[in-house]
């Protein structure tokens, strides 16, 4: 039986960072990413440190501002406005989620960031630019998926893409990006009738459900490309392990598949940094 191509996100991410460095060399400014974290959630602490290390590695400036868990929405909004006005800050990222019990509203904070500094690509202006075909900063995980497919020369034109996710973070922006590449796109979700049958239509199946072993072979057409976005934590013999949505048997019928971890995750971080370089280019034009 032919083994599937493993879509190594670390290799694709490294190529994207090289592209970012090449673009940086053409700029008259040094891109500067400012990350804001509220509270000290261990996962958020680890993630923000990773972003800082990756930024430093490619020669980008990065600043981390840590605010206490009881920070109010008004205080955070005031700080974001300061960063919006700072010409030396090219990208702003507010780490989500906020601490449990916080009254800070995510939507309010995301929309307070200037669209040209919104390196997460989640501002409604950037969402509108995406769907209207205008240039703008793209949501990191969907854009990272497209970069990964490009890296492995997997075409989208004419292909059927099924995305099992309808969120603003993954499903909707990814659908728009695939449509730009002339794919035929279906967004499926928990209310989809006969979800497995819909998924089996896909040449490229993207799953971001967040349920271990949710995608079984009955969901996958033989030879399909499978992109597993989810990161689920399970314990095997008292040891934590990260897995996606796909059961192990899915790999055997796929032509290509992302591992978890080491698949989509590295692409998300790298595209954040690439967005920061694009933002610096936009602001210095």
C-alpha atoms as a PDB file:
ATOM      1  CA  UNK A   1       0.000   0.000   0.000  1.00  0.00           C
ATOM      2  CA  UNK A   2       1.315   3.425  -0.965  1.00  0.00           C
ATOM      3  CA  UNK A   3       2.194   5.614   1.994  1.00  0.00           C
ATOM      4  CA  UNK A   4       0.640   9.086   2.066  1.00  0.00           C
ATOM      5  CA  UNK A   5       2.723  12.216   1.677  1.00  0.00           C
ATOM      6  CA  UNK A   6       3.196  13.688   5.142  1.00  0.00           C
ATOM      7  CA  UNK A   7       2.678  17.442   4.927  1.00  0.00           C
ATOM      8  CA  UNK A   8       5.424  18.584   7.271  1.00  0.00           C
ATOM      9  CA  UNK A   9       4.348  21.955   8.634  1.00  0.00           C
ATOM     10  CA  UNK A  10       7.783  22.715  10.032  1.00  0.00           C
ATOM     11  CA  UNK A  11       9.390  22.470   6.581  1.00  0.00           C
ATOM     12  CA  UNK A  12       6.654  24.545   4.949  1.00  0.00           C
ATOM     13  CA  UNK A  13       6.817  27.101   7.780  1.00  0.00           C
ATOM     14  CA  UNK A  14      10.575  27.451   7.337  1.00  0.00           C
ATOM     15  CA  UNK A  15      10.057  28.200   3.647  1.00  0.00           C
ATOM     16  CA  UNK A  16       7.448  30.835   4.495  1.00  0.00           C
ATOM     17  CA  UNK A  17       9.805  32.480   6.987  1.00  0.00           C
ATOM     18  CA  UNK A  18      12.510  32.603   4.303  1.00  0.00           C
ATOM     19  CA  UNK A  19      10.002  34.401   2.105  1.00  0.00           C
ATOM     20  CA  UNK A  20       9.331  36.827   4.968  1.00  0.00           C
ATOM     21  CA  UNK A  21      13.059  37.492   5.394  1.00  0.00           C
ATOM     22  CA  UNK A  22      13.460  38.156   1.671  1.00  0.00           C
ATOM     23  CA  UNK A  23      10.648  40.702   1.803  1.00  0.00           C
ATOM     24  CA  UNK A  24      12.099  42.269   4.980  1.00  0.00           C
ATOM     25  CA  UNK A  25      15.351  42.930   3.157  1.00  0.00           C
ATOM     26  CA  UNK A  26      13.507  45.222   0.728  1.00  0.00           C
ATOM     27  CA  UNK A  27      11.941  47.403   3.442  1.00  0.00           C
ATOM     28  CA  UNK A  28      13.215  50.692   4.793  1.00  0.00           C
ATOM     29  CA  UNK A  29      11.912  49.807   8.280  1.00  0.00           C
ATOM     30  CA  UNK A  30      12.416  46.879  10.611  1.00  0.00           C
ATOM     31  CA  UNK A  31       9.083  45.146  11.237  1.00  0.00           C
ATOM     32  CA  UNK A  32       7.958  45.289  14.858  1.00  0.00           C
ATOM     33  CA  UNK A  33       5.352  42.937  16.337  1.00  0.00           C
ATOM     34  CA  UNK A  34       3.744  43.891  19.650  1.00  0.00           C
ATOM     35  CA  UNK A  35       2.025  41.030  21.486  1.00  0.00           C
ATOM     36  CA  UNK A  36      -0.338  41.758  24.375  1.00  0.00           C
ATOM     37  CA  UNK A  37      -1.248  39.027  26.859  1.00  0.00           C
ATOM     38  CA  UNK A  38      -3.788  39.383  29.646  1.00  0.00           C
ATOM     39  CA  UNK A  39      -3.191  36.979  32.535  1.00  0.00           C
ATOM     40  CA  UNK A  40      -0.749  34.078  32.777  1.00  0.00           C
ATOM     41  CA  UNK A  41      -2.521  31.081  31.258  1.00  0.00           C
ATOM     42  CA  UNK A  42       0.269  28.485  30.727  1.00  0.00           C
ATOM     43  CA  UNK A  43      -0.703  27.730  27.127  1.00  0.00           C
ATOM     44  CA  UNK A  44      -0.819  31.444  26.278  1.00  0.00           C
ATOM     45  CA  UNK A  45       2.529  32.041  27.992  1.00  0.00           C
ATOM     46  CA  UNK A  46       4.105  29.233  25.958  1.00  0.00           C
ATOM     47  CA  UNK A  47       2.542  30.446  22.714  1.00  0.00           C
ATOM     48  CA  UNK A  48       3.628  34.066  23.141  1.00  0.00           C
ATOM     49  CA  UNK A  49       7.187  32.971  23.949  1.00  0.00           C
ATOM     50  CA  UNK A  50       7.233  30.847  20.793  1.00  0.00           C
ATOM     51  CA  UNK A  51       6.167  33.838  18.692  1.00  0.00           C
ATOM     52  CA  UNK A  52       8.889  35.989  20.247  1.00  0.00           C
ATOM     53  CA  UNK A  53      11.573  33.364  19.548  1.00  0.00           C
ATOM     54  CA  UNK A  54      10.476  32.942  15.934  1.00  0.00           C
ATOM     55  CA  UNK A  55      10.381  36.719  15.408  1.00  0.00           C
ATOM     56  CA  UNK A  56      13.901  37.123  16.808  1.00  0.00           C
ATOM     57  CA  UNK A  57      15.155  34.242  14.657  1.00  0.00           C
ATOM     58  CA  UNK A  58      14.237  36.045  11.419  1.00  0.00           C
ATOM     59  CA  UNK A  59      15.521  39.417  12.611  1.00  0.00           C
ATOM     60  CA  UNK A  60      12.198  41.008  13.475  1.00  0.00           C
ATOM     61  CA  UNK A  61      11.630  43.189  16.532  1.00  0.00           C
ATOM     62  CA  UNK A  62       9.016  41.953  18.971  1.00  0.00           C
ATOM     63  CA  UNK A  63       7.650  43.272  22.240  1.00  0.00           C
ATOM     64  CA  UNK A  64       5.505  41.436  24.778  1.00  0.00           C
ATOM     65  CA  UNK A  65       3.299  43.385  27.156  1.00  0.00           C
ATOM     66  CA  UNK A  66       1.903  41.300  30.014  1.00  0.00           C
ATOM     67  CA  UNK A  67      -1.169  42.704  31.724  1.00  0.00           C
ATOM     68  CA  UNK A  68      -2.725  41.338  34.930  1.00  0.00           C
ATOM     69  CA  UNK A  69      -5.689  38.985  34.712  1.00  0.00           C
ATOM     70  CA  UNK A  70      -8.026  41.594  36.215  1.00  0.00           C
ATOM     71  CA  UNK A  71      -7.292  44.174  33.495  1.00  0.00           C
ATOM     72  CA  UNK A  72     -10.486  45.914  32.421  1.00  0.00           C
ATOM     73  CA  UNK A  73     -11.720  46.282  28.864  1.00  0.00           C
ATOM     74  CA  UNK A  74     -11.313  50.064  29.078  1.00  0.00           C
ATOM     75  CA  UNK A  75      -7.651  49.791  30.099  1.00  0.00           C
ATOM     76  CA  UNK A  76      -6.913  47.308  27.317  1.00  0.00           C
ATOM     77  CA  UNK A  77      -8.682  49.478  24.740  1.00  0.00           C
ATOM     78  CA  UNK A  78      -6.653  52.500  25.810  1.00  0.00           C
ATOM     79  CA  UNK A  79      -3.423  50.525  25.450  1.00  0.00           C
ATOM     80  CA  UNK A  80      -4.401  49.305  21.989  1.00  0.00           C
ATOM     81  CA  UNK A  81      -5.058  52.885  20.886  1.00  0.00           C
ATOM     82  CA  UNK A  82      -1.550  53.775  22.050  1.00  0.00           C
ATOM     83  CA  UNK A  83      -0.139  51.000  19.858  1.00  0.00           C
ATOM     84  CA  UNK A  84      -2.329  52.068  16.927  1.00  0.00           C
ATOM     85  CA  UNK A  85      -0.745  55.521  17.132  1.00  0.00           C
ATOM     86  CA  UNK A  86       2.819  54.242  17.512  1.00  0.00           C
ATOM     87  CA  UNK A  87       4.556  54.446  14.117  1.00  0.00           C
ATOM     88  CA  UNK A  88       7.219  51.981  15.300  1.00  0.00           C
ATOM     89  CA  UNK A  89       4.614  49.272  15.943  1.00  0.00           C
ATOM     90  CA  UNK A  90       3.635  47.556  12.693  1.00  0.00           C
ATOM     91  CA  UNK A  91       1.708  44.551  13.984  1.00  0.00           C
ATOM     92  CA  UNK A  92      -0.540  44.141  17.031  1.00  0.00           C
ATOM     93  CA  UNK A  93      -1.603  40.771  18.387  1.00  0.00           C
ATOM     94  CA  UNK A  94      -3.812  40.413  21.445  1.00  0.00           C
ATOM     95  CA  UNK A  95      -3.439  36.844  22.691  1.00  0.00           C
ATOM     96  CA  UNK A  96      -6.717  34.960  23.107  1.00  0.00           C
ATOM     97  CA  UNK A  97      -8.534  33.654  25.042  1.00  0.00           C
ATOM     98  CA  UNK A  98      -8.868  36.089  27.922  1.00  0.00           C
ATOM     99  CA  UNK A  99      -8.780  34.733  31.483  1.00  0.00           C
ATOM    100  CA  UNK A 100     -11.860  32.967  32.792  1.00  0.00           C
ATOM    101  CA  UNK A 101     -14.205  35.427  34.425  1.00  0.00           C
ATOM    102  CA  UNK A 102     -12.845  38.384  32.454  1.00  0.00           C
ATOM    103  CA  UNK A 103     -15.455  40.886  31.242  1.00  0.00           C
ATOM    104  CA  UNK A 104     -13.333  41.802  28.209  1.00  0.00           C
ATOM    105  CA  UNK A 105     -15.231  41.189  24.980  1.00  0.00           C
ATOM    106  CA  UNK A 106     -13.116  39.597  22.258  1.00  0.00           C
ATOM    107  CA  UNK A 107     -15.010  41.214  19.375  1.00  0.00           C
ATOM    108  CA  UNK A 108     -14.624  44.695  20.849  1.00  0.00           C
ATOM    109  CA  UNK A 109     -10.870  44.242  21.283  1.00  0.00           C
ATOM    110  CA  UNK A 110     -10.289  42.759  17.834  1.00  0.00           C
ATOM    111  CA  UNK A 111     -12.152  45.612  16.159  1.00  0.00           C
ATOM    112  CA  UNK A 112     -10.176  48.198  18.157  1.00  0.00           C
ATOM    113  CA  UNK A 113      -6.935  47.166  16.443  1.00  0.00           C
ATOM    114  CA  UNK A 114      -6.203  49.242  13.333  1.00  0.00           C
ATOM    115  CA  UNK A 115      -6.915  47.018  10.284  1.00  0.00           C
ATOM    116  CA  UNK A 116      -3.456  47.708   8.837  1.00  0.00           C
ATOM    117  CA  UNK A 117      -1.861  46.423  12.079  1.00  0.00           C
ATOM    118  CA  UNK A 118      -4.232  43.476  12.503  1.00  0.00           C
ATOM    119  CA  UNK A 119      -1.704  40.698  11.924  1.00  0.00           C
ATOM    120  CA  UNK A 120      -4.213  38.077  13.095  1.00  0.00           C
ATOM    121  CA  UNK A 121      -6.348  39.062  10.091  1.00  0.00           C
ATOM    122  CA  UNK A 122      -9.570  38.989  12.121  1.00  0.00           C
ATOM    123  CA  UNK A 123     -10.746  42.616  11.904  1.00  0.00           C
ATOM    124  CA  UNK A 124     -14.065  43.038  10.090  1.00  0.00           C
ATOM    125  CA  UNK A 125     -12.349  45.336   7.585  1.00  0.00           C
ATOM    126  CA  UNK A 126      -9.832  42.646   6.677  1.00  0.00           C
ATOM    127  CA  UNK A 127     -12.619  40.081   6.513  1.00  0.00           C
ATOM    128  CA  UNK A 128     -14.464  42.371   4.092  1.00  0.00           C
ATOM    129  CA  UNK A 129     -11.339  42.902   2.030  1.00  0.00           C
ATOM    130  CA  UNK A 130     -10.903  39.134   1.756  1.00  0.00           C
ATOM    131  CA  UNK A 131     -14.441  38.434   0.577  1.00  0.00           C
ATOM    132  CA  UNK A 132     -14.426  41.365  -1.850  1.00  0.00           C
ATOM    133  CA  UNK A 133     -11.144  40.280  -3.413  1.00  0.00           C
ATOM    134  CA  UNK A 134      -9.107  43.210  -2.125  1.00  0.00           C
ATOM    135  CA  UNK A 135      -5.568  42.993  -0.762  1.00  0.00           C
ATOM    136  CA  UNK A 136      -5.309  42.825   3.017  1.00  0.00           C
ATOM    137  CA  UNK A 137      -4.025  40.852   5.975  1.00  0.00           C
ATOM    138  CA  UNK A 138      -5.381  37.309   5.988  1.00  0.00           C
ATOM    139  CA  UNK A 139      -6.333  35.132   8.946  1.00  0.00           C
ATOM    140  CA  UNK A 140      -3.216  33.185   9.911  1.00  0.00           C
ATOM    141  CA  UNK A 141      -4.408  29.574  10.072  1.00  0.00           C
ATOM    142  CA  UNK A 142      -6.331  29.606   6.746  1.00  0.00           C
ATOM    143  CA  UNK A 143      -3.538  31.505   4.992  1.00  0.00           C
ATOM    144  CA  UNK A 144      -1.041  29.073   6.485  1.00  0.00           C
ATOM    145  CA  UNK A 145      -3.005  26.148   5.054  1.00  0.00           C
ATOM    146  CA  UNK A 146      -2.907  27.710   1.589  1.00  0.00           C
ATOM    147  CA  UNK A 147       0.857  28.291   1.939  1.00  0.00           C
ATOM    148  CA  UNK A 148       1.319  24.651   2.941  1.00  0.00           C
ATOM    149  CA  UNK A 149      -0.602  23.405  -0.100  1.00  0.00           C
ATOM    150  CA  UNK A 150       1.512  25.683  -2.294  1.00  0.00           C
ATOM    151  CA  UNK A 151       4.716  24.411  -0.694  1.00  0.00           C
ATOM    152  CA  UNK A 152       3.800  20.826  -1.595  1.00  0.00           C
ATOM    153  CA  UNK A 153       2.484  21.780  -5.051  1.00  0.00           C
ATOM    154  CA  UNK A 154      -1.049  20.633  -4.282  1.00  0.00           C
ATOM    155  CA  UNK A 155      -3.337  22.604  -6.627  1.00  0.00           C
ATOM    156  CA  UNK A 156      -6.719  23.972  -5.623  1.00  0.00           C
ATOM    157  CA  UNK A 157      -8.059  24.971  -9.033  1.00  0.00           C
ATOM    158  CA  UNK A 158     -10.953  22.771 -10.058  1.00  0.00           C
ATOM    159  CA  UNK A 159     -10.762  20.728  -6.856  1.00  0.00           C
ATOM    160  CA  UNK A 160     -13.620  20.013  -4.469  1.00  0.00           C
ATOM    161  CA  UNK A 161     -12.785  21.291  -1.001  1.00  0.00           C
ATOM    162  CA  UNK A 162     -14.889  20.343   2.006  1.00  0.00           C
ATOM    163  CA  UNK A 163     -14.234  22.269   5.225  1.00  0.00           C
ATOM    164  CA  UNK A 164     -15.787  20.861   8.395  1.00  0.00           C
ATOM    165  CA  UNK A 165     -15.794  24.120  10.322  1.00  0.00           C
ATOM    166  CA  UNK A 166     -17.770  27.351   9.929  1.00  0.00           C
ATOM    167  CA  UNK A 167     -15.927  29.629  12.353  1.00  0.00           C
ATOM    168  CA  UNK A 168     -14.580  33.109  11.674  1.00  0.00           C
ATOM    169  CA  UNK A 169     -11.141  31.791  12.598  1.00  0.00           C
ATOM    170  CA  UNK A 170     -10.870  28.869  10.166  1.00  0.00           C
ATOM    171  CA  UNK A 171     -13.832  27.813   8.048  1.00  0.00           C
ATOM    172  CA  UNK A 172     -15.146  31.052   6.585  1.00  0.00           C
ATOM    173  CA  UNK A 173     -11.820  32.711   5.688  1.00  0.00           C
ATOM    174  CA  UNK A 174     -10.423  29.437   4.349  1.00  0.00           C
ATOM    175  CA  UNK A 175     -13.460  29.082   2.086  1.00  0.00           C
ATOM    176  CA  UNK A 176     -12.812  32.549   0.658  1.00  0.00           C
ATOM    177  CA  UNK A 177      -9.130  31.784   0.061  1.00  0.00           C
ATOM    178  CA  UNK A 178      -9.984  28.519  -1.705  1.00  0.00           C
ATOM    179  CA  UNK A 179     -12.542  30.307  -3.884  1.00  0.00           C
ATOM    180  CA  UNK A 180      -9.797  32.755  -4.899  1.00  0.00           C
ATOM    181  CA  UNK A 181      -7.897  29.720  -6.210  1.00  0.00           C
ATOM    182  CA  UNK A 182     -10.938  28.521  -8.208  1.00  0.00           C
ATOM    183  CA  UNK A 183     -11.810  25.595  -5.972  1.00  0.00           C
ATOM    184  CA  UNK A 184     -15.395  24.435  -5.453  1.00  0.00           C
ATOM    185  CA  UNK A 185     -16.012  24.815  -1.731  1.00  0.00           C
ATOM    186  CA  UNK A 186     -18.468  23.266   0.708  1.00  0.00           C
ATOM    187  CA  UNK A 187     -18.609  24.373   4.337  1.00  0.00           C
ATOM    188  CA  UNK A 188     -19.995  21.579   6.511  1.00  0.00           C
ATOM    189  CA  UNK A 189     -20.784  21.561  10.210  1.00  0.00           C
ATOM    190  CA  UNK A 190     -22.629  19.783  13.028  1.00  0.00           C
ATOM    191  CA  UNK A 191     -26.033  20.381  11.399  1.00  0.00           C
ATOM    192  CA  UNK A 192     -25.000  19.008   8.003  1.00  0.00           C
ATOM    193  CA  UNK A 193     -27.154  16.065   6.918  1.00  0.00           C
ATOM    194  CA  UNK A 194     -25.091  12.904   6.325  1.00  0.00           C
ATOM    195  CA  UNK A 195     -21.803  14.638   7.063  1.00  0.00           C
ATOM    196  CA  UNK A 196     -19.701  11.612   6.130  1.00  0.00           C
ATOM    197  CA  UNK A 197     -21.213  11.504   2.634  1.00  0.00           C
ATOM    198  CA  UNK A 198     -20.540  15.215   2.126  1.00  0.00           C
ATOM    199  CA  UNK A 199     -16.945  14.798   3.329  1.00  0.00           C
ATOM    200  CA  UNK A 200     -16.384  11.899   0.914  1.00  0.00           C
ATOM    201  CA  UNK A 201     -16.928  14.290  -2.003  1.00  0.00           C
ATOM    202  CA  UNK A 202     -13.742  16.152  -1.122  1.00  0.00           C
ATOM    203  CA  UNK A 203     -10.516  16.080  -3.071  1.00  0.00           C
ATOM    204  CA  UNK A 204      -9.183  18.166  -0.180  1.00  0.00           C
ATOM    205  CA  UNK A 205     -10.815  17.625   3.220  1.00  0.00           C
ATOM    206  CA  UNK A 206     -10.164  20.123   6.015  1.00  0.00           C
ATOM    207  CA  UNK A 207     -11.302  19.236   9.512  1.00  0.00           C
ATOM    208  CA  UNK A 208     -11.325  21.561  12.526  1.00  0.00           C
ATOM    209  CA  UNK A 209     -13.917  19.885  14.727  1.00  0.00           C
ATOM    210  CA  UNK A 210     -11.923  19.413  17.915  1.00  0.00           C
ATOM    211  CA  UNK A 211     -12.991  15.807  18.557  1.00  0.00           C
ATOM    212  CA  UNK A 212     -10.586  12.891  18.811  1.00  0.00           C
ATOM    213  CA  UNK A 213     -11.124  10.175  16.164  1.00  0.00           C
ATOM    214  CA  UNK A 214     -14.061  12.086  14.688  1.00  0.00           C
ATOM    215  CA  UNK A 215     -12.839  11.641  11.100  1.00  0.00           C
ATOM    216  CA  UNK A 216     -12.858   7.945  10.245  1.00  0.00           C
ATOM    217  CA  UNK A 217     -12.230   6.290   6.844  1.00  0.00           C
ATOM    218  CA  UNK A 218     -15.937   6.577   5.963  1.00  0.00           C
ATOM    219  CA  UNK A 219     -15.436  10.381   5.778  1.00  0.00           C
ATOM    220  CA  UNK A 220     -12.564  10.214   3.285  1.00  0.00           C
ATOM    221  CA  UNK A 221     -12.497   9.537  -0.444  1.00  0.00           C
ATOM    222  CA  UNK A 222      -9.594   7.336  -1.479  1.00  0.00           C
ATOM    223  CA  UNK A 223      -6.664   9.523  -2.493  1.00  0.00           C
ATOM    224  CA  UNK A 224      -7.964  12.690  -0.850  1.00  0.00           C
ATOM    225  CA  UNK A 225      -5.689  15.265   0.771  1.00  0.00           C
ATOM    226  CA  UNK A 226      -6.549  15.598   4.466  1.00  0.00           C
ATOM    227  CA  UNK A 227      -5.750  18.755   6.461  1.00  0.00           C
ATOM    228  CA  UNK A 228      -6.274  18.205  10.189  1.00  0.00           C
ATOM    229  CA  UNK A 229      -6.364  21.581  11.934  1.00  0.00           C
ATOM    230  CA  UNK A 230      -7.414  20.439  15.403  1.00  0.00           C
ATOM    231  CA  UNK A 231      -5.122  19.971  18.376  1.00  0.00           C
ATOM    232  CA  UNK A 232      -6.722  17.781  21.053  1.00  0.00           C
ATOM    233  CA  UNK A 233      -5.012  16.836  24.294  1.00  0.00           C
ATOM    234  CA  UNK A 234      -5.429  13.261  25.463  1.00  0.00           C
ATOM    235  CA  UNK A 235      -3.654  11.113  28.033  1.00  0.00           C
ATOM    236  CA  UNK A 236      -2.131   7.770  27.137  1.00  0.00           C
ATOM    237  CA  UNK A 237      -0.753   5.840  30.105  1.00  0.00           C
ATOM    238  CA  UNK A 238      -0.749   9.079  32.137  1.00  0.00           C
ATOM    239  CA  UNK A 239       1.274  10.878  29.477  1.00  0.00           C
ATOM    240  CA  UNK A 240      -0.191  13.866  27.610  1.00  0.00           C
ATOM    241  CA  UNK A 241      -0.366  13.474  23.854  1.00  0.00           C
ATOM    242  CA  UNK A 242      -1.533  15.852  21.122  1.00  0.00           C
ATOM    243  CA  UNK A 243      -3.781  14.431  18.417  1.00  0.00           C
ATOM    244  CA  UNK A 244      -6.090  15.810  15.750  1.00  0.00           C
ATOM    245  CA  UNK A 245      -9.582  14.853  14.577  1.00  0.00           C
ATOM    246  CA  UNK A 246      -8.474  11.977  12.344  1.00  0.00           C
ATOM    247  CA  UNK A 247      -8.398   8.353  13.371  1.00  0.00           C
ATOM    248  CA  UNK A 248      -5.121   6.587  12.577  1.00  0.00           C
ATOM    249  CA  UNK A 249      -6.739   4.577   9.784  1.00  0.00           C
ATOM    250  CA  UNK A 250      -7.414   7.725   7.724  1.00  0.00           C
ATOM    251  CA  UNK A 251      -3.772   8.028   6.670  1.00  0.00           C
ATOM    252  CA  UNK A 252      -3.925   4.707   4.835  1.00  0.00           C
ATOM    253  CA  UNK A 253      -6.502   5.953   2.312  1.00  0.00           C
ATOM    254  CA  UNK A 254      -5.187   9.520   1.926  1.00  0.00           C
ATOM    255  CA  UNK A 255      -2.748  10.702  -0.728  1.00  0.00           C
ATOM    256  CA  UNK A 256      -1.419  13.353   1.670  1.00  0.00           C
ATOM    257  CA  UNK A 257      -2.142  14.222   5.295  1.00  0.00           C
ATOM    258  CA  UNK A 258      -0.959  16.669   7.965  1.00  0.00           C
ATOM    259  CA  UNK A 259       0.488  15.271  11.179  1.00  0.00           C
ATOM    260  CA  UNK A 260      -0.642  16.474  14.602  1.00  0.00           C
ATOM    261  CA  UNK A 261       1.428  18.033  16.020  1.00  0.00           C
ATOM    262  CA  UNK A 262       3.766  19.465  13.385  1.00  0.00           C
ATOM    263  CA  UNK A 263       1.240  20.124  10.647  1.00  0.00           C
ATOM    264  CA  UNK A 264      -0.927  23.236  10.526  1.00  0.00           C
ATOM    265  CA  UNK A 265       0.298  24.630  13.865  1.00  0.00           C
ATOM    266  CA  UNK A 266       3.733  25.834  12.681  1.00  0.00           C
ATOM    267  CA  UNK A 267       2.106  27.440   9.642  1.00  0.00           C
ATOM    268  CA  UNK A 268      -0.131  29.595  11.839  1.00  0.00           C
ATOM    269  CA  UNK A 269       2.814  31.087  13.750  1.00  0.00           C
ATOM    270  CA  UNK A 270       4.882  31.645  10.613  1.00  0.00           C
ATOM    271  CA  UNK A 271       2.047  33.356   8.795  1.00  0.00           C
ATOM    272  CA  UNK A 272       1.585  35.691  11.753  1.00  0.00           C
ATOM    273  CA  UNK A 273       5.180  36.836  11.282  1.00  0.00           C
ATOM    274  CA  UNK A 274       4.724  37.035   7.521  1.00  0.00           C
ATOM    275  CA  UNK A 275       1.667  39.212   8.104  1.00  0.00           C
ATOM    276  CA  UNK A 276       3.791  41.492  10.294  1.00  0.00           C
ATOM    277  CA  UNK A 277       6.231  42.002   7.439  1.00  0.00           C
ATOM    278  CA  UNK A 278       3.329  42.705   5.062  1.00  0.00           C
ATOM    279  CA  UNK A 279       1.922  45.188   7.577  1.00  0.00           C
ATOM    280  CA  UNK A 280       5.284  46.981   7.802  1.00  0.00           C
ATOM    281  CA  UNK A 281       5.438  47.136   4.009  1.00  0.00           C
ATOM    282  CA  UNK A 282       1.915  48.567   3.870  1.00  0.00           C
ATOM    283  CA  UNK A 283       2.608  51.219   6.500  1.00  0.00           C
ATOM    284  CA  UNK A 284       5.918  52.302   4.991  1.00  0.00           C
ATOM    285  CA  UNK A 285       4.586  52.631   1.438  1.00  0.00           C
END
